[in-house]
Amino acid sequence: MKKILLLSDTHSHIDATILKYAAQADEVWHAGDIGDLLVTDALQKIKPLRAVYGNIDDNKARLEFPLHHRFDCEEVSVWITHIGGYPGKYNPSIKEEMAKNPPKLFICGHSHILKVQFDKKNNLLHLNPGACGKSGFHPLRTMMRFVIDGQAIRDLEIIEIEKRV
């Protein structure tokens, strides 16, 4: 069993609230637009981190993190990327791979819109944790946490940090 903290779109922002939730997880997953690598450095000091780079990330982030990260957590196949789209409207660059080899859990960021959606066609759970940074148009900073236990994805919780100022 693994407790996961999922976040995205920090845009160089890290604070005590994010770090508090990271400390409660077994792993932290970041779906891109990290900004300053001080964010991922701070997270990695607390817990193991899996991350991808996003469209705002510089060459340092692109050297440290991949564009797509596919792995297994427990018995769940996971795919994290930054600009992934949504069920029925996946990014054209991943449509073919999604059709051939869909994961059980697909995660992306980019939109700053928190979304949980089941993709019936590909039989997968799609998650976008919204944005927990302070840059962007999102009115509320958000993250997610959940448990992966064998083949089960359970106890999904939305974390509302605060209104963005």
Protein backbone atom coordinates (compact mmCIF):
# COMPACT_ATOMS: atom_id res chain seq x y z
CA MET A 1 0.00 0.00 0.00
CA LYS A 2 1.28 3.47 -0.96
CA LYS A 3 -0.09 6.86 0.05
CA ILE A 4 0.40 9.32 -2.82
CA LEU A 5 0.37 13.12 -2.81
CA LEU A 6 -0.33 14.40 -6.32
CA LEU A 7 0.38 17.99 -7.28
CA SER A 8 1.04 20.07 -10.37
CA ASP A 9 1.74 23.56 -11.61
CA THR A 10 3.73 24.85 -8.66
CA HIS A 11 5.33 27.51 -10.89
CA SER A 12 8.26 27.90 -8.44
CA HIS A 13 6.04 28.04 -5.35
CA ILE A 14 6.54 25.78 -2.34
CA ASP A 15 5.22 26.43 1.16
CA ALA A 16 4.72 24.82 4.56
CA THR A 17 1.26 23.50 3.65
CA ILE A 18 2.53 21.60 0.61
CA LEU A 19 5.44 20.23 2.63
CA LYS A 20 3.12 19.18 5.48
CA TYR A 21 1.03 17.06 3.11
CA ALA A 22 4.17 15.70 1.43
CA ALA A 23 5.41 14.48 4.81
CA GLN A 24 2.17 12.50 5.27
CA ALA A 25 2.59 10.62 1.96
CA ASP A 26 4.77 7.68 0.99
CA GLU A 27 5.54 9.27 -2.41
CA VAL A 28 4.97 12.65 -4.05
CA TRP A 29 4.06 12.87 -7.74
CA HIS A 30 4.39 16.18 -9.63
CA ALA A 31 2.65 16.56 -13.01
CA GLY A 32 4.84 19.37 -14.37
CA ASP A 33 5.32 23.13 -14.52
CA ILE A 34 7.66 22.86 -11.59
CA GLY A 35 9.36 26.20 -12.14
CA ASP A 36 12.41 26.57 -9.92
CA LEU A 37 13.98 23.22 -9.03
CA LEU A 38 14.07 24.39 -5.41
CA VAL A 39 10.49 23.05 -5.38
CA THR A 40 11.47 19.50 -6.28
CA ASP A 41 14.62 19.70 -4.13
CA ALA A 42 12.46 20.53 -1.09
CA LEU A 43 10.02 17.70 -1.87
CA GLN A 44 12.81 15.16 -2.42
CA LYS A 45 14.28 15.96 0.99
CA ILE A 46 11.01 14.74 2.54
CA LYS A 47 9.79 11.84 0.37
CA PRO A 48 10.55 9.98 -2.87
CA LEU A 49 9.45 12.07 -5.86
CA ARG A 50 8.26 11.16 -9.34
CA ALA A 51 7.90 14.15 -11.66
CA VAL A 52 7.68 15.29 -15.26
CA TYR A 53 8.60 18.62 -16.77
CA GLY A 54 6.00 21.01 -18.13
CA ASN A 55 5.89 23.68 -20.78
CA ILE A 56 7.24 26.45 -18.49
CA ASP A 57 10.15 24.37 -17.21
CA ASP A 58 13.70 25.23 -18.27
CA ASN A 59 16.52 23.01 -19.52
CA LYS A 60 17.60 22.12 -15.96
CA ALA A 61 14.18 20.61 -15.23
CA ARG A 62 14.12 18.91 -18.64
CA LEU A 63 17.46 17.27 -17.90
CA GLU A 64 16.30 16.06 -14.48
CA PHE A 65 12.76 14.93 -15.32
CA PRO A 66 11.14 13.27 -18.37
CA LEU A 67 8.22 14.55 -20.47
CA HIS A 68 6.37 11.26 -19.92
CA HIS A 69 6.83 9.01 -16.92
CA ARG A 70 5.38 5.49 -17.09
CA PHE A 71 5.80 3.12 -14.18
CA ASP A 72 3.98 0.64 -11.99
CA CYS A 73 2.97 1.49 -8.44
CA GLU A 74 1.92 -1.64 -6.61
CA GLU A 75 -0.14 -3.37 -9.36
CA VAL A 76 -1.34 -0.18 -11.07
CA SER A 77 0.20 1.03 -14.32
CA VAL A 78 0.65 4.81 -14.20
CA TRP A 79 1.37 7.42 -16.87
CA ILE A 80 2.19 10.99 -15.85
CA THR A 81 2.67 13.78 -18.38
CA HIS A 82 2.06 17.51 -18.25
CA ILE A 83 -0.09 18.23 -21.31
CA GLY A 84 -2.21 15.12 -21.72
CA GLY A 85 -5.72 16.29 -22.49
CA TYR A 86 -8.85 14.55 -21.29
CA PRO A 87 -10.81 11.39 -22.17
CA GLY A 88 -12.06 11.75 -25.71
CA LYS A 89 -9.74 14.74 -26.22
CA TYR A 90 -6.24 13.44 -25.52
CA ASN A 91 -3.24 15.36 -26.78
CA PRO A 92 -2.58 14.25 -30.39
CA SER A 93 1.00 13.32 -29.48
CA ILE A 94 -0.20 10.56 -27.10
CA LYS A 95 -3.40 9.33 -28.79
CA GLU A 96 -1.76 6.41 -30.57
CA GLU A 97 0.12 5.17 -27.49
CA MET A 98 -2.99 5.62 -25.36
CA ALA A 99 -4.98 3.43 -27.77
CA LYS A 100 -2.28 0.73 -27.93
CA ASN A 101 -1.20 0.63 -24.31
CA PRO A 102 -3.42 2.58 -21.91
CA PRO A 103 -2.41 2.76 -18.25
CA LYS A 104 -4.82 2.14 -15.40
CA LEU A 105 -4.11 5.63 -14.03
CA PHE A 106 -3.44 8.61 -16.31
CA ILE A 107 -2.28 11.88 -14.72
CA CYS A 108 -1.68 15.28 -16.24
CA GLY A 109 -1.53 18.92 -15.21
CA HIS A 110 -1.33 22.08 -17.34
CA SER A 111 -4.95 23.25 -17.30
CA HIS A 112 -4.94 24.36 -13.62
CA ILE A 113 -8.39 22.73 -13.49
CA LEU A 114 -8.87 19.95 -10.95
CA LYS A 115 -10.56 17.01 -12.62
CA VAL A 116 -11.32 13.37 -11.79
CA GLN A 117 -12.82 11.43 -14.68
CA PHE A 118 -13.18 7.78 -15.63
CA ASP A 119 -12.35 7.00 -19.26
CA LYS A 120 -14.72 4.15 -20.19
CA LYS A 121 -13.19 3.66 -23.64
CA ASN A 122 -9.68 3.07 -22.28
CA ASN A 123 -10.80 1.69 -18.90
CA LEU A 124 -8.64 4.10 -16.90
CA LEU A 125 -8.89 6.75 -14.22
CA HIS A 126 -7.85 10.24 -15.34
CA LEU A 127 -6.63 12.70 -12.70
CA ASN A 128 -5.60 16.35 -12.90
CA PRO A 129 -4.80 17.81 -9.46
CA GLY A 130 -5.31 21.41 -10.54
CA ALA A 131 -2.57 23.84 -9.51
CA CYS A 132 -0.99 24.36 -6.12
CA GLY A 133 1.21 27.28 -7.15
CA LYS A 134 0.24 30.92 -7.02
CA SER A 135 0.74 31.76 -10.73
CA GLY A 136 -2.16 31.34 -13.12
CA PHE A 137 -5.88 31.92 -13.35
CA HIS A 138 -7.10 29.26 -10.90
CA PRO A 139 -9.10 30.74 -8.03
CA LEU A 140 -8.24 27.97 -5.56
CA ARG A 141 -4.93 26.15 -5.00
CA THR A 142 -5.47 22.38 -5.02
CA MET A 143 -3.72 19.01 -4.73
CA MET A 144 -4.93 15.42 -4.37
CA ARG A 145 -4.02 12.47 -2.26
CA PHE A 146 -5.01 8.83 -2.63
CA VAL A 147 -3.93 5.30 -1.84
CA ILE A 148 -2.78 2.62 -4.24
CA ASP A 149 -3.28 -0.78 -2.66
CA GLY A 150 -2.51 -3.67 -4.98
CA GLN A 151 -4.77 -3.09 -7.99
CA ALA A 152 -7.03 -0.62 -6.16
CA ILE A 153 -6.92 3.16 -6.34
CA ARG A 154 -8.88 4.32 -3.30
CA ASP A 155 -9.45 7.01 -0.70
CA LEU A 156 -9.12 9.84 -3.22
CA GLU A 157 -9.16 13.18 -1.44
CA ILE A 158 -9.09 16.70 -2.85
CA ILE A 159 -6.97 19.12 -0.86
CA GLU A 160 -8.02 22.74 -1.13
CA ILE A 161 -5.08 24.79 0.11
CA GLU A 162 -6.39 28.33 -0.10
CA LYS A 163 -7.72 30.93 -2.44
CA ARG A 164 -4.96 32.21 -4.68
CA VAL A 165 -3.75 35.72 -3.84
